[in-house]
Amino acid sequence: MCQGGCVEVDSHTEAVAGESFQILCISCKKRSETVAEAFTEWFFKGTGEDQFVKILRYDQDEKLNVMDSRFMDLVAWNGTKEISDLQDVSIFILNVTYDHMGEYLCTVNRTLFFDGGFQYNLLVNKTINVGVVDKANRELASIVSEIMMYVLIVVLTIWLVAEMVYCYKKIAAATEAAAQENASEYLAITSESKENCTGVQVAE
C-alpha cells in the first residue's frame, strides 16, 4: 500500500481560444492525520468588470454546480474525487472563449475535526489571472531547451570529427613507423647478405 502526498503547484495562466484549459487550484492540508471536510467555490471577474461573480460550487455530496451562464456546460471537475476532504479543487474549461479571460478566485472552505468534538474552520483564497490568445506561445524553457540541444549537437559533432582526425593521424603514424622499421630490417638483411657473399668470394 502507498499514500500519496499533496504539493501546491501554480496554475498555467495562458489559455488558447477554442481549446480546453485546466485551471489549477490546490490547497494542501498541513496535517494529513487530521480528519477534515472541505468544499470549494469559484468566483470570476471578467476583463473590465469590477466585482467577482460566483460561477460554481463543488462538494462531495452535491458534486459540481455551475451557476454562471458563461460557464454552463463548459466546466468539468478535475480535482479530488470520492473523498470529502478536498485538496485539489482544479477545474477544466472545455472550450475557451474570450469571455473566459479575467481573474479567477478559488476558495477552499475546510473544517478540521479534533477529539472531544472540537472543530476549526479554515478559508483559503487563491487568485489566478487567465489570459486568452489565438495561438499558444512557446515557453522560455522550451526555447532554451531547443537552443541547448542544437549547441550540444554541434559540440558533439566537432568532438567526433576531432577524435576521428586524431585516430587517423595516430594510425598513419603507426603505419609509417612500422614501414620504416620493416625497411630498416630489409636493408640490414640485404647488407648482411652482401657481406656474406663478399666473404665467400674472397675465400675462394
N, C-alpha and C. Protein backbone atom coordinates (compact mmCIF):
# COMPACT_ATOMS: atom_id res chain seq x y z
N MET A 1 0.83 -1.20 0.00
CA MET A 1 0.00 0.00 0.00
C MET A 1 0.87 1.24 0.00
N CYS A 2 0.37 2.31 -0.59
CA CYS A 2 1.12 3.57 -0.62
C CYS A 2 0.16 4.72 -0.36
N GLN A 3 0.71 5.84 0.07
CA GLN A 3 -0.09 7.02 0.39
C GLN A 3 0.49 8.20 -0.36
N GLY A 4 -0.34 8.86 -1.16
CA GLY A 4 0.13 9.99 -1.94
C GLY A 4 0.28 11.24 -1.11
N GLY A 5 1.17 12.12 -1.54
CA GLY A 5 1.36 13.40 -0.88
C GLY A 5 0.68 14.50 -1.66
N CYS A 6 0.62 15.67 -1.05
CA CYS A 6 -0.03 16.83 -1.68
C CYS A 6 1.02 17.91 -1.89
N VAL A 7 1.08 18.46 -3.08
CA VAL A 7 2.01 19.53 -3.42
C VAL A 7 1.23 20.65 -4.09
N GLU A 8 1.42 21.87 -3.60
CA GLU A 8 0.73 23.01 -4.19
C GLU A 8 1.52 23.54 -5.38
N VAL A 9 0.90 23.53 -6.55
CA VAL A 9 1.54 23.93 -7.80
C VAL A 9 0.76 25.09 -8.41
N ASP A 10 1.48 26.08 -8.92
CA ASP A 10 0.83 27.22 -9.56
C ASP A 10 0.19 26.80 -10.89
N SER A 11 -0.88 27.45 -11.24
CA SER A 11 -1.60 27.14 -12.47
C SER A 11 -0.97 27.85 -13.66
N HIS A 12 -1.12 27.25 -14.85
CA HIS A 12 -0.81 27.98 -16.07
C HIS A 12 -1.81 29.13 -16.22
N THR A 13 -1.41 30.16 -16.92
CA THR A 13 -2.25 31.35 -17.00
C THR A 13 -2.59 31.77 -18.42
N GLU A 14 -2.13 31.01 -19.42
CA GLU A 14 -2.40 31.38 -20.81
C GLU A 14 -3.22 30.28 -21.49
N ALA A 15 -4.45 30.62 -21.81
CA ALA A 15 -5.34 29.67 -22.48
C ALA A 15 -5.43 30.02 -23.97
N VAL A 16 -5.73 29.00 -24.77
CA VAL A 16 -5.86 29.18 -26.22
C VAL A 16 -7.33 29.09 -26.59
N ALA A 17 -7.82 30.06 -27.31
CA ALA A 17 -9.23 30.09 -27.71
C ALA A 17 -9.60 28.86 -28.51
N GLY A 18 -10.73 28.24 -28.15
CA GLY A 18 -11.21 27.06 -28.86
C GLY A 18 -10.67 25.75 -28.33
N GLU A 19 -9.77 25.81 -27.35
CA GLU A 19 -9.21 24.59 -26.77
C GLU A 19 -9.60 24.49 -25.30
N SER A 20 -9.32 23.32 -24.71
CA SER A 20 -9.59 23.14 -23.29
C SER A 20 -8.43 23.70 -22.47
N PHE A 21 -8.72 24.05 -21.23
CA PHE A 21 -7.69 24.65 -20.39
C PHE A 21 -7.95 24.28 -18.94
N GLN A 22 -6.90 23.82 -18.27
CA GLN A 22 -7.01 23.45 -16.86
C GLN A 22 -6.55 24.61 -15.98
N ILE A 23 -7.39 24.97 -15.01
CA ILE A 23 -7.01 25.96 -14.02
C ILE A 23 -6.74 25.22 -12.71
N LEU A 24 -5.49 25.23 -12.30
CA LEU A 24 -5.09 24.51 -11.10
C LEU A 24 -5.40 25.34 -9.86
N CYS A 25 -5.91 24.66 -8.84
CA CYS A 25 -6.07 25.26 -7.53
C CYS A 25 -5.93 24.13 -6.51
N ILE A 26 -4.84 24.15 -5.75
CA ILE A 26 -4.55 23.08 -4.80
C ILE A 26 -4.30 23.70 -3.43
N SER A 27 -4.99 23.20 -2.43
CA SER A 27 -4.82 23.65 -1.06
C SER A 27 -4.56 22.43 -0.19
N CYS A 28 -3.30 22.21 0.17
CA CYS A 28 -2.91 21.02 0.92
C CYS A 28 -3.23 21.19 2.41
N LYS A 29 -3.71 20.12 3.00
CA LYS A 29 -3.92 20.09 4.45
C LYS A 29 -2.57 19.86 5.12
N LYS A 30 -2.26 20.65 6.14
CA LYS A 30 -0.93 20.60 6.76
C LYS A 30 -0.68 19.30 7.52
N ARG A 31 -1.70 18.76 8.16
CA ARG A 31 -1.54 17.51 8.93
C ARG A 31 -2.49 16.47 8.35
N SER A 32 -1.91 15.49 7.70
CA SER A 32 -2.71 14.50 6.96
C SER A 32 -3.54 13.62 7.89
N GLU A 33 -3.11 13.48 9.15
CA GLU A 33 -3.83 12.58 10.05
C GLU A 33 -5.10 13.21 10.60
N THR A 34 -5.28 14.52 10.43
CA THR A 34 -6.46 15.21 10.94
C THR A 34 -7.65 14.99 10.00
N VAL A 35 -8.76 14.58 10.58
CA VAL A 35 -9.98 14.38 9.79
C VAL A 35 -10.53 15.74 9.37
N ALA A 36 -10.96 15.84 8.11
CA ALA A 36 -11.45 17.13 7.63
C ALA A 36 -12.47 16.95 6.52
N GLU A 37 -13.27 17.97 6.32
CA GLU A 37 -14.18 18.06 5.19
C GLU A 37 -14.00 19.43 4.54
N ALA A 38 -14.19 19.49 3.23
CA ALA A 38 -13.99 20.78 2.55
C ALA A 38 -14.93 20.88 1.36
N PHE A 39 -15.25 22.13 1.03
CA PHE A 39 -15.94 22.40 -0.23
C PHE A 39 -15.27 23.61 -0.87
N THR A 40 -15.50 23.79 -2.14
CA THR A 40 -14.87 24.90 -2.86
C THR A 40 -15.91 25.72 -3.60
N GLU A 41 -15.64 27.01 -3.70
CA GLU A 41 -16.44 27.92 -4.52
C GLU A 41 -15.48 28.72 -5.40
N TRP A 42 -15.85 28.87 -6.64
CA TRP A 42 -15.05 29.63 -7.59
C TRP A 42 -15.80 30.91 -7.98
N PHE A 43 -15.02 31.99 -8.09
CA PHE A 43 -15.56 33.28 -8.49
C PHE A 43 -14.77 33.79 -9.70
N PHE A 44 -15.42 34.63 -10.50
CA PHE A 44 -14.80 35.12 -11.73
C PHE A 44 -15.09 36.60 -11.90
N LYS A 45 -14.04 37.33 -12.29
CA LYS A 45 -14.18 38.75 -12.63
C LYS A 45 -13.59 38.95 -14.01
N GLY A 46 -14.47 39.17 -14.99
CA GLY A 46 -14.03 39.32 -16.37
C GLY A 46 -13.29 40.62 -16.61
N THR A 47 -12.64 40.70 -17.77
CA THR A 47 -11.91 41.91 -18.14
C THR A 47 -12.86 43.11 -18.19
N GLY A 48 -12.52 44.17 -17.47
CA GLY A 48 -13.37 45.36 -17.43
C GLY A 48 -14.44 45.33 -16.37
N GLU A 49 -14.60 44.21 -15.66
CA GLU A 49 -15.61 44.12 -14.61
C GLU A 49 -15.02 44.53 -13.27
N ASP A 50 -15.88 44.96 -12.35
CA ASP A 50 -15.42 45.48 -11.06
C ASP A 50 -15.56 44.48 -9.93
N GLN A 51 -16.49 43.54 -10.04
CA GLN A 51 -16.77 42.64 -8.94
C GLN A 51 -16.68 41.18 -9.38
N PHE A 52 -16.35 40.32 -8.40
CA PHE A 52 -16.33 38.88 -8.64
C PHE A 52 -17.77 38.35 -8.61
N VAL A 53 -18.01 37.37 -9.48
CA VAL A 53 -19.30 36.69 -9.53
C VAL A 53 -19.07 35.20 -9.30
N LYS A 54 -19.90 34.60 -8.41
CA LYS A 54 -19.74 33.18 -8.15
C LYS A 54 -20.14 32.39 -9.40
N ILE A 55 -19.25 31.50 -9.83
CA ILE A 55 -19.53 30.73 -11.05
C ILE A 55 -19.80 29.25 -10.77
N LEU A 56 -19.30 28.72 -9.64
CA LEU A 56 -19.56 27.30 -9.36
C LEU A 56 -19.27 26.98 -7.91
N ARG A 57 -19.81 25.85 -7.49
CA ARG A 57 -19.54 25.28 -6.17
C ARG A 57 -19.40 23.77 -6.33
N TYR A 58 -18.48 23.20 -5.54
CA TYR A 58 -18.32 21.74 -5.56
C TYR A 58 -18.14 21.24 -4.14
N ASP A 59 -18.93 20.20 -3.81
CA ASP A 59 -18.71 19.47 -2.56
C ASP A 59 -18.99 18.00 -2.84
N GLN A 60 -18.62 17.14 -1.90
CA GLN A 60 -18.70 15.71 -2.13
C GLN A 60 -20.14 15.23 -2.28
N ASP A 61 -21.08 15.91 -1.63
CA ASP A 61 -22.47 15.47 -1.66
C ASP A 61 -23.19 15.90 -2.95
N GLU A 62 -23.10 17.19 -3.28
CA GLU A 62 -23.86 17.71 -4.41
C GLU A 62 -23.05 17.77 -5.71
N LYS A 63 -21.74 17.47 -5.60
CA LYS A 63 -20.84 17.49 -6.77
C LYS A 63 -20.77 18.90 -7.37
N LEU A 64 -20.63 18.96 -8.68
CA LEU A 64 -20.40 20.24 -9.35
C LEU A 64 -21.71 20.96 -9.65
N ASN A 65 -21.76 22.21 -9.24
CA ASN A 65 -22.94 23.03 -9.50
C ASN A 65 -22.47 24.34 -10.14
N VAL A 66 -22.69 24.48 -11.46
CA VAL A 66 -22.28 25.67 -12.21
C VAL A 66 -23.41 26.69 -12.16
N MET A 67 -23.07 27.95 -11.85
CA MET A 67 -24.09 28.96 -11.64
C MET A 67 -24.05 30.11 -12.64
N ASP A 68 -23.05 30.17 -13.49
CA ASP A 68 -22.89 31.29 -14.42
C ASP A 68 -23.10 30.79 -15.84
N SER A 69 -23.91 31.51 -16.61
CA SER A 69 -24.25 31.07 -17.97
C SER A 69 -23.03 31.02 -18.89
N ARG A 70 -22.01 31.85 -18.60
CA ARG A 70 -20.81 31.85 -19.43
C ARG A 70 -20.02 30.55 -19.31
N PHE A 71 -20.29 29.79 -18.24
CA PHE A 71 -19.55 28.56 -17.98
C PHE A 71 -20.44 27.32 -18.01
N MET A 72 -21.71 27.52 -18.31
CA MET A 72 -22.64 26.41 -18.32
C MET A 72 -22.26 25.39 -19.39
N ASP A 73 -22.17 24.12 -19.00
CA ASP A 73 -21.79 23.01 -19.89
C ASP A 73 -20.37 23.14 -20.44
N LEU A 74 -19.57 24.04 -19.86
CA LEU A 74 -18.20 24.24 -20.33
C LEU A 74 -17.16 23.95 -19.26
N VAL A 75 -17.62 23.59 -18.06
CA VAL A 75 -16.69 23.33 -16.95
C VAL A 75 -16.79 21.87 -16.53
N ALA A 76 -15.63 21.24 -16.35
CA ALA A 76 -15.55 19.87 -15.86
C ALA A 76 -14.68 19.84 -14.61
N TRP A 77 -15.09 19.04 -13.64
CA TRP A 77 -14.34 18.93 -12.40
C TRP A 77 -13.08 18.09 -12.64
N ASN A 78 -11.93 18.58 -12.15
CA ASN A 78 -10.68 17.86 -12.32
C ASN A 78 -9.90 17.78 -11.00
N GLY A 79 -10.63 17.82 -9.90
CA GLY A 79 -9.99 17.81 -8.59
C GLY A 79 -10.19 16.51 -7.86
N THR A 80 -10.10 16.58 -6.54
CA THR A 80 -10.24 15.42 -5.67
C THR A 80 -11.61 14.77 -5.84
N LYS A 81 -11.61 13.45 -5.92
CA LYS A 81 -12.85 12.70 -6.08
C LYS A 81 -12.97 11.64 -4.98
N GLU A 82 -14.18 11.25 -4.71
CA GLU A 82 -14.51 10.13 -3.83
C GLU A 82 -14.28 10.38 -2.34
N ILE A 83 -13.65 11.48 -1.95
CA ILE A 83 -13.47 11.77 -0.53
C ILE A 83 -13.95 13.20 -0.26
N SER A 84 -14.36 13.43 1.00
CA SER A 84 -14.94 14.73 1.35
C SER A 84 -13.88 15.78 1.68
N ASP A 85 -12.65 15.35 1.93
CA ASP A 85 -11.57 16.30 2.22
C ASP A 85 -10.91 16.72 0.91
N LEU A 86 -11.45 17.76 0.29
CA LEU A 86 -10.94 18.23 -0.99
C LEU A 86 -9.63 18.99 -0.78
N GLN A 87 -8.61 18.60 -1.54
CA GLN A 87 -7.34 19.33 -1.52
C GLN A 87 -7.00 19.87 -2.92
N ASP A 88 -7.28 19.07 -3.94
CA ASP A 88 -7.16 19.53 -5.32
C ASP A 88 -8.55 19.91 -5.81
N VAL A 89 -8.74 21.20 -6.07
CA VAL A 89 -10.06 21.68 -6.50
C VAL A 89 -9.97 22.30 -7.90
N SER A 90 -9.14 21.71 -8.74
CA SER A 90 -8.91 22.23 -10.09
C SER A 90 -10.11 21.97 -10.99
N ILE A 91 -10.23 22.80 -12.03
CA ILE A 91 -11.31 22.65 -12.99
C ILE A 91 -10.77 22.71 -14.42
N PHE A 92 -11.55 22.20 -15.35
CA PHE A 92 -11.25 22.28 -16.78
C PHE A 92 -12.30 23.16 -17.45
N ILE A 93 -11.85 24.11 -18.25
CA ILE A 93 -12.76 24.82 -19.16
C ILE A 93 -12.65 24.12 -20.51
N LEU A 94 -13.74 23.56 -20.99
CA LEU A 94 -13.69 22.64 -22.13
C LEU A 94 -13.52 23.35 -23.47
N ASN A 95 -14.05 24.54 -23.60
CA ASN A 95 -13.95 25.26 -24.88
C ASN A 95 -13.76 26.74 -24.56
N VAL A 96 -12.51 27.15 -24.49
CA VAL A 96 -12.19 28.51 -24.04
C VAL A 96 -12.64 29.54 -25.07
N THR A 97 -13.25 30.62 -24.57
CA THR A 97 -13.59 31.78 -25.39
C THR A 97 -13.00 33.01 -24.72
N TYR A 98 -13.08 34.15 -25.41
CA TYR A 98 -12.55 35.38 -24.84
C TYR A 98 -13.37 35.87 -23.66
N ASP A 99 -14.59 35.32 -23.50
CA ASP A 99 -15.40 35.66 -22.33
C ASP A 99 -14.81 35.06 -21.05
N HIS A 100 -13.90 34.08 -21.20
CA HIS A 100 -13.31 33.43 -20.04
C HIS A 100 -12.00 34.08 -19.60
N MET A 101 -11.64 35.17 -20.23
CA MET A 101 -10.41 35.87 -19.86
C MET A 101 -10.69 36.80 -18.69
N GLY A 102 -9.85 36.69 -17.66
CA GLY A 102 -10.04 37.54 -16.49
C GLY A 102 -9.40 36.95 -15.26
N GLU A 103 -9.93 37.31 -14.11
CA GLU A 103 -9.36 36.91 -12.82
C GLU A 103 -10.28 35.91 -12.13
N TYR A 104 -9.70 34.77 -11.74
CA TYR A 104 -10.45 33.72 -11.06
C TYR A 104 -10.05 33.68 -9.58
N LEU A 105 -11.04 33.54 -8.72
CA LEU A 105 -10.80 33.42 -7.29
C LEU A 105 -11.29 32.04 -6.85
N CYS A 106 -10.35 31.24 -6.40
CA CYS A 106 -10.64 29.88 -5.94
C CYS A 106 -10.63 29.89 -4.41
N THR A 107 -11.73 29.47 -3.79
CA THR A 107 -11.81 29.43 -2.32
C THR A 107 -11.99 27.99 -1.86
N VAL A 108 -11.27 27.64 -0.82
CA VAL A 108 -11.40 26.32 -0.21
C VAL A 108 -11.82 26.52 1.24
N ASN A 109 -12.99 26.03 1.57
CA ASN A 109 -13.52 26.14 2.93
C ASN A 109 -13.38 24.77 3.60
N ARG A 110 -12.44 24.66 4.55
CA ARG A 110 -12.13 23.36 5.17
C ARG A 110 -12.45 23.40 6.65
N THR A 111 -13.11 22.35 7.13
CA THR A 111 -13.40 22.18 8.55
C THR A 111 -12.59 21.01 9.08
N LEU A 112 -11.80 21.27 10.13
CA LEU A 112 -10.98 20.24 10.77
C LEU A 112 -11.69 19.72 12.01
N PHE A 113 -11.70 18.40 12.19
CA PHE A 113 -12.38 17.77 13.32
C PHE A 113 -11.35 17.16 14.26
N PHE A 114 -11.42 17.55 15.55
CA PHE A 114 -10.48 17.07 16.56
C PHE A 114 -11.23 16.27 17.63
N ASP A 115 -10.46 15.58 18.44
CA ASP A 115 -11.05 14.81 19.54
C ASP A 115 -11.80 15.74 20.49
N GLY A 116 -12.87 15.21 21.07
CA GLY A 116 -13.67 16.00 22.01
C GLY A 116 -14.71 16.86 21.34
N GLY A 117 -14.91 16.65 20.03
CA GLY A 117 -15.93 17.41 19.31
C GLY A 117 -15.50 18.80 18.89
N PHE A 118 -14.21 19.13 19.06
CA PHE A 118 -13.74 20.45 18.68
C PHE A 118 -13.57 20.54 17.17
N GLN A 119 -14.01 21.65 16.58
CA GLN A 119 -13.90 21.89 15.14
C GLN A 119 -13.21 23.22 14.90
N TYR A 120 -12.48 23.26 13.78
CA TYR A 120 -11.80 24.50 13.42
C TYR A 120 -11.96 24.72 11.92
N ASN A 121 -12.37 25.93 11.56
CA ASN A 121 -12.65 26.24 10.16
C ASN A 121 -11.54 27.08 9.55
N LEU A 122 -11.14 26.70 8.34
CA LEU A 122 -10.10 27.42 7.59
C LEU A 122 -10.66 27.83 6.23
N LEU A 123 -10.33 29.05 5.81
CA LEU A 123 -10.72 29.53 4.49
C LEU A 123 -9.46 29.95 3.73
N VAL A 124 -9.22 29.31 2.58
CA VAL A 124 -8.05 29.59 1.76
C VAL A 124 -8.51 30.21 0.45
N ASN A 125 -7.92 31.34 0.07
CA ASN A 125 -8.24 32.00 -1.19
C ASN A 125 -7.02 32.00 -2.10
N LYS A 126 -7.23 31.68 -3.37
CA LYS A 126 -6.16 31.73 -4.35
C LYS A 126 -6.67 32.42 -5.61
N THR A 127 -5.85 33.33 -6.14
CA THR A 127 -6.24 34.10 -7.33
C THR A 127 -5.41 33.68 -8.52
N ILE A 128 -6.08 33.46 -9.65
CA ILE A 128 -5.40 33.08 -10.90
C ILE A 128 -5.85 34.02 -12.01
N ASN A 129 -4.91 34.71 -12.63
CA ASN A 129 -5.22 35.58 -13.76
C ASN A 129 -5.03 34.80 -15.06
N VAL A 130 -6.08 34.68 -15.83
CA VAL A 130 -6.04 33.88 -17.06
C VAL A 130 -6.20 34.79 -18.27
N GLY A 131 -5.27 34.68 -19.20
CA GLY A 131 -5.37 35.38 -20.48
C GLY A 131 -5.73 34.40 -21.59
N VAL A 132 -6.31 34.90 -22.65
CA VAL A 132 -6.72 34.07 -23.78
C VAL A 132 -6.04 34.59 -25.04
N VAL A 133 -5.42 33.69 -25.80
CA VAL A 133 -4.72 34.05 -27.04
C VAL A 133 -5.23 33.17 -28.17
N ASP A 134 -4.95 33.63 -29.41
CA ASP A 134 -5.37 32.85 -30.58
C ASP A 134 -4.49 31.63 -30.79
N LYS A 135 -3.21 31.76 -30.49
CA LYS A 135 -2.25 30.69 -30.72
C LYS A 135 -1.32 30.60 -29.53
N ALA A 136 -1.00 29.37 -29.14
CA ALA A 136 -0.15 29.18 -27.96
C ALA A 136 1.25 29.72 -28.21
N ASN A 137 1.76 30.47 -27.23
CA ASN A 137 3.13 30.97 -27.29
C ASN A 137 4.07 29.96 -26.64
N ARG A 138 5.22 29.81 -27.26
CA ARG A 138 6.20 28.88 -26.71
C ARG A 138 6.79 29.43 -25.42
N GLU A 139 6.96 28.56 -24.45
CA GLU A 139 7.53 28.97 -23.18
C GLU A 139 9.04 29.14 -23.32
N LEU A 140 9.60 29.99 -22.46
CA LEU A 140 11.03 30.27 -22.50
C LEU A 140 11.84 29.00 -22.29
N ALA A 141 11.38 28.14 -21.40
CA ALA A 141 12.11 26.89 -21.12
C ALA A 141 12.20 26.02 -22.37
N SER A 142 11.13 26.00 -23.17
CA SER A 142 11.13 25.22 -24.40
C SER A 142 12.14 25.77 -25.41
N ILE A 143 12.18 27.11 -25.53
CA ILE A 143 13.11 27.73 -26.46
C ILE A 143 14.55 27.48 -26.04
N VAL A 144 14.84 27.66 -24.74
CA VAL A 144 16.20 27.42 -24.23
C VAL A 144 16.60 25.97 -24.42
N SER A 145 15.67 25.04 -24.18
CA SER A 145 15.97 23.61 -24.35
C SER A 145 16.33 23.29 -25.80
N GLU A 146 15.59 23.89 -26.74
CA GLU A 146 15.88 23.64 -28.15
C GLU A 146 17.25 24.21 -28.54
N ILE A 147 17.57 25.41 -28.06
CA ILE A 147 18.88 26.01 -28.35
C ILE A 147 20.00 25.14 -27.78
N MET A 148 19.82 24.69 -26.55
CA MET A 148 20.84 23.85 -25.91
C MET A 148 21.01 22.53 -26.66
N MET A 149 19.91 22.01 -27.21
CA MET A 149 20.00 20.76 -27.96
C MET A 149 20.87 20.94 -29.20
N TYR A 150 20.64 22.05 -29.95
CA TYR A 150 21.43 22.29 -31.16
C TYR A 150 22.89 22.57 -30.81
N VAL A 151 23.14 23.31 -29.72
CA VAL A 151 24.52 23.57 -29.30
C VAL A 151 25.22 22.27 -28.94
N LEU A 152 24.51 21.39 -28.25
CA LEU A 152 25.09 20.10 -27.87
C LEU A 152 25.39 19.25 -29.11
N ILE A 153 24.50 19.28 -30.10
CA ILE A 153 24.75 18.52 -31.34
C ILE A 153 26.00 19.02 -32.04
N VAL A 154 26.15 20.36 -32.13
CA VAL A 154 27.33 20.95 -32.79
C VAL A 154 28.60 20.57 -32.04
N VAL A 155 28.57 20.69 -30.70
CA VAL A 155 29.76 20.37 -29.89
C VAL A 155 30.14 18.90 -30.05
N LEU A 156 29.14 18.02 -30.00
CA LEU A 156 29.42 16.59 -30.14
C LEU A 156 29.95 16.26 -31.54
N THR A 157 29.44 16.96 -32.57
CA THR A 157 29.92 16.73 -33.94
C THR A 157 31.38 17.16 -34.07
N ILE A 158 31.71 18.34 -33.52
CA ILE A 158 33.09 18.81 -33.57
C ILE A 158 34.02 17.85 -32.82
N TRP A 159 33.56 17.39 -31.65
CA TRP A 159 34.37 16.45 -30.87
C TRP A 159 34.58 15.14 -31.62
N LEU A 160 33.53 14.67 -32.30
CA LEU A 160 33.64 13.42 -33.06
C LEU A 160 34.61 13.56 -34.22
N VAL A 161 34.54 14.69 -34.95
CA VAL A 161 35.46 14.93 -36.06
C VAL A 161 36.90 15.02 -35.56
N ALA A 162 37.10 15.75 -34.44
CA ALA A 162 38.44 15.87 -33.87
C ALA A 162 38.98 14.51 -33.45
N GLU A 163 38.13 13.69 -32.86
CA GLU A 163 38.54 12.34 -32.44
C GLU A 163 38.90 11.48 -33.64
N MET A 164 38.13 11.60 -34.72
CA MET A 164 38.42 10.82 -35.93
C MET A 164 39.76 11.26 -36.54
N VAL A 165 40.00 12.59 -36.60
CA VAL A 165 41.28 13.09 -37.15
C VAL A 165 42.44 12.62 -36.30
N TYR A 166 42.27 12.67 -34.96
CA TYR A 166 43.34 12.22 -34.06
C TYR A 166 43.64 10.74 -34.27
N CYS A 167 42.58 9.93 -34.34
CA CYS A 167 42.77 8.49 -34.55
C CYS A 167 43.43 8.21 -35.90
N TYR A 168 43.02 8.97 -36.94
CA TYR A 168 43.60 8.78 -38.27
C TYR A 168 45.09 9.09 -38.25
N LYS A 169 45.47 10.22 -37.60
CA LYS A 169 46.87 10.60 -37.53
C LYS A 169 47.67 9.56 -36.74
N LYS A 170 47.07 9.05 -35.67
CA LYS A 170 47.76 8.06 -34.85
C LYS A 170 47.98 6.77 -35.62
N ILE A 171 46.97 6.35 -36.37
CA ILE A 171 47.10 5.13 -37.18
C ILE A 171 48.11 5.34 -38.30
N ALA A 172 48.07 6.53 -38.93
CA ALA A 172 49.02 6.81 -40.02
C ALA A 172 50.44 6.83 -39.50
N ALA A 173 50.63 7.45 -38.31
CA ALA A 173 51.97 7.49 -37.73
C ALA A 173 52.46 6.09 -37.39
N ALA A 174 51.60 5.24 -36.85
CA ALA A 174 51.99 3.87 -36.51
C ALA A 174 52.32 3.08 -37.76
N THR A 175 51.52 3.31 -38.81
CA THR A 175 51.77 2.60 -40.08
C THR A 175 53.10 3.02 -40.68
N GLU A 176 53.38 4.34 -40.62
CA GLU A 176 54.64 4.85 -41.16
C GLU A 176 55.84 4.32 -40.37
N ALA A 177 55.71 4.28 -39.04
CA ALA A 177 56.79 3.76 -38.20
C ALA A 177 57.04 2.29 -38.49
N ALA A 178 55.94 1.52 -38.67
CA ALA A 178 56.09 0.09 -38.99
C ALA A 178 56.75 -0.09 -40.35
N ALA A 179 56.40 0.77 -41.33
CA ALA A 179 57.01 0.68 -42.66
C ALA A 179 58.50 1.00 -42.60
N GLN A 180 58.84 2.05 -41.82
CA GLN A 180 60.25 2.39 -41.68
C GLN A 180 61.03 1.28 -40.99
N GLU A 181 60.43 0.67 -39.99
CA GLU A 181 61.08 -0.42 -39.29
C GLU A 181 61.30 -1.62 -40.22
N ASN A 182 60.31 -1.91 -41.03
CA ASN A 182 60.45 -3.02 -42.00
C ASN A 182 61.53 -2.71 -43.03
N ALA A 183 61.57 -1.43 -43.47
CA ALA A 183 62.60 -1.05 -44.45
C ALA A 183 63.99 -1.15 -43.84
N SER A 184 64.13 -0.75 -42.57
CA SER A 184 65.42 -0.84 -41.90
C SER A 184 65.86 -2.29 -41.76
N GLU A 185 64.90 -3.15 -41.40
CA GLU A 185 65.22 -4.58 -41.29
C GLU A 185 65.61 -5.16 -42.64
N TYR A 186 64.92 -4.73 -43.70
CA TYR A 186 65.23 -5.22 -45.04
C TYR A 186 66.64 -4.80 -45.46
N LEU A 187 66.99 -3.51 -45.18
CA LEU A 187 68.33 -3.03 -45.52
C LEU A 187 69.39 -3.76 -44.72
N ALA A 188 69.11 -4.03 -43.46
CA ALA A 188 70.07 -4.74 -42.63
C ALA A 188 70.30 -6.15 -43.15
N ILE A 189 69.21 -6.81 -43.52
CA ILE A 189 69.33 -8.18 -44.06
C ILE A 189 70.07 -8.17 -45.38
N THR A 190 69.77 -7.18 -46.22
CA THR A 190 70.45 -7.08 -47.54
C THR A 190 71.94 -6.83 -47.36
N SER A 191 72.27 -5.92 -46.44
CA SER A 191 73.69 -5.62 -46.20
C SER A 191 74.42 -6.84 -45.67
N GLU A 192 73.77 -7.56 -44.76
CA GLU A 192 74.40 -8.77 -44.21
C GLU A 192 74.59 -9.83 -45.28
N SER A 193 73.63 -9.94 -46.17
CA SER A 193 73.76 -10.93 -47.26
C SER A 193 74.91 -10.57 -48.18
N LYS A 194 75.05 -9.28 -48.49
CA LYS A 194 76.13 -8.85 -49.36
C LYS A 194 77.49 -9.12 -48.71
N GLU A 195 77.58 -8.85 -47.40
CA GLU A 195 78.84 -9.10 -46.71
C GLU A 195 79.18 -10.58 -46.72
N ASN A 196 78.20 -11.39 -46.56
CA ASN A 196 78.44 -12.85 -46.58
C ASN A 196 78.91 -13.30 -47.95
N CYS A 197 78.28 -12.73 -48.98
CA CYS A 197 78.68 -13.10 -50.36
C CYS A 197 80.10 -12.65 -50.64
N THR A 198 80.47 -11.47 -50.20
CA THR A 198 81.83 -10.94 -50.41
C THR A 198 82.84 -11.82 -49.69
N GLY A 199 82.53 -12.24 -48.51
CA GLY A 199 83.43 -13.11 -47.75
C GLY A 199 83.66 -14.45 -48.43
N VAL A 200 82.64 -14.98 -49.04
CA VAL A 200 82.75 -16.26 -49.74
C VAL A 200 83.64 -16.11 -50.96
N GLN A 201 83.46 -14.97 -51.69
CA GLN A 201 84.30 -14.77 -52.89
C GLN A 201 85.77 -14.59 -52.51
N VAL A 202 86.05 -13.90 -51.42
CA VAL A 202 87.44 -13.70 -51.01
C VAL A 202 88.05 -15.03 -50.61
N ALA A 203 87.32 -15.83 -49.94
CA ALA A 203 87.82 -17.17 -49.53
C ALA A 203 88.15 -18.01 -50.73
N GLU A 204 87.38 -17.90 -51.78
CA GLU A 204 87.67 -18.69 -52.96
C GLU A 204 88.95 -18.20 -53.62
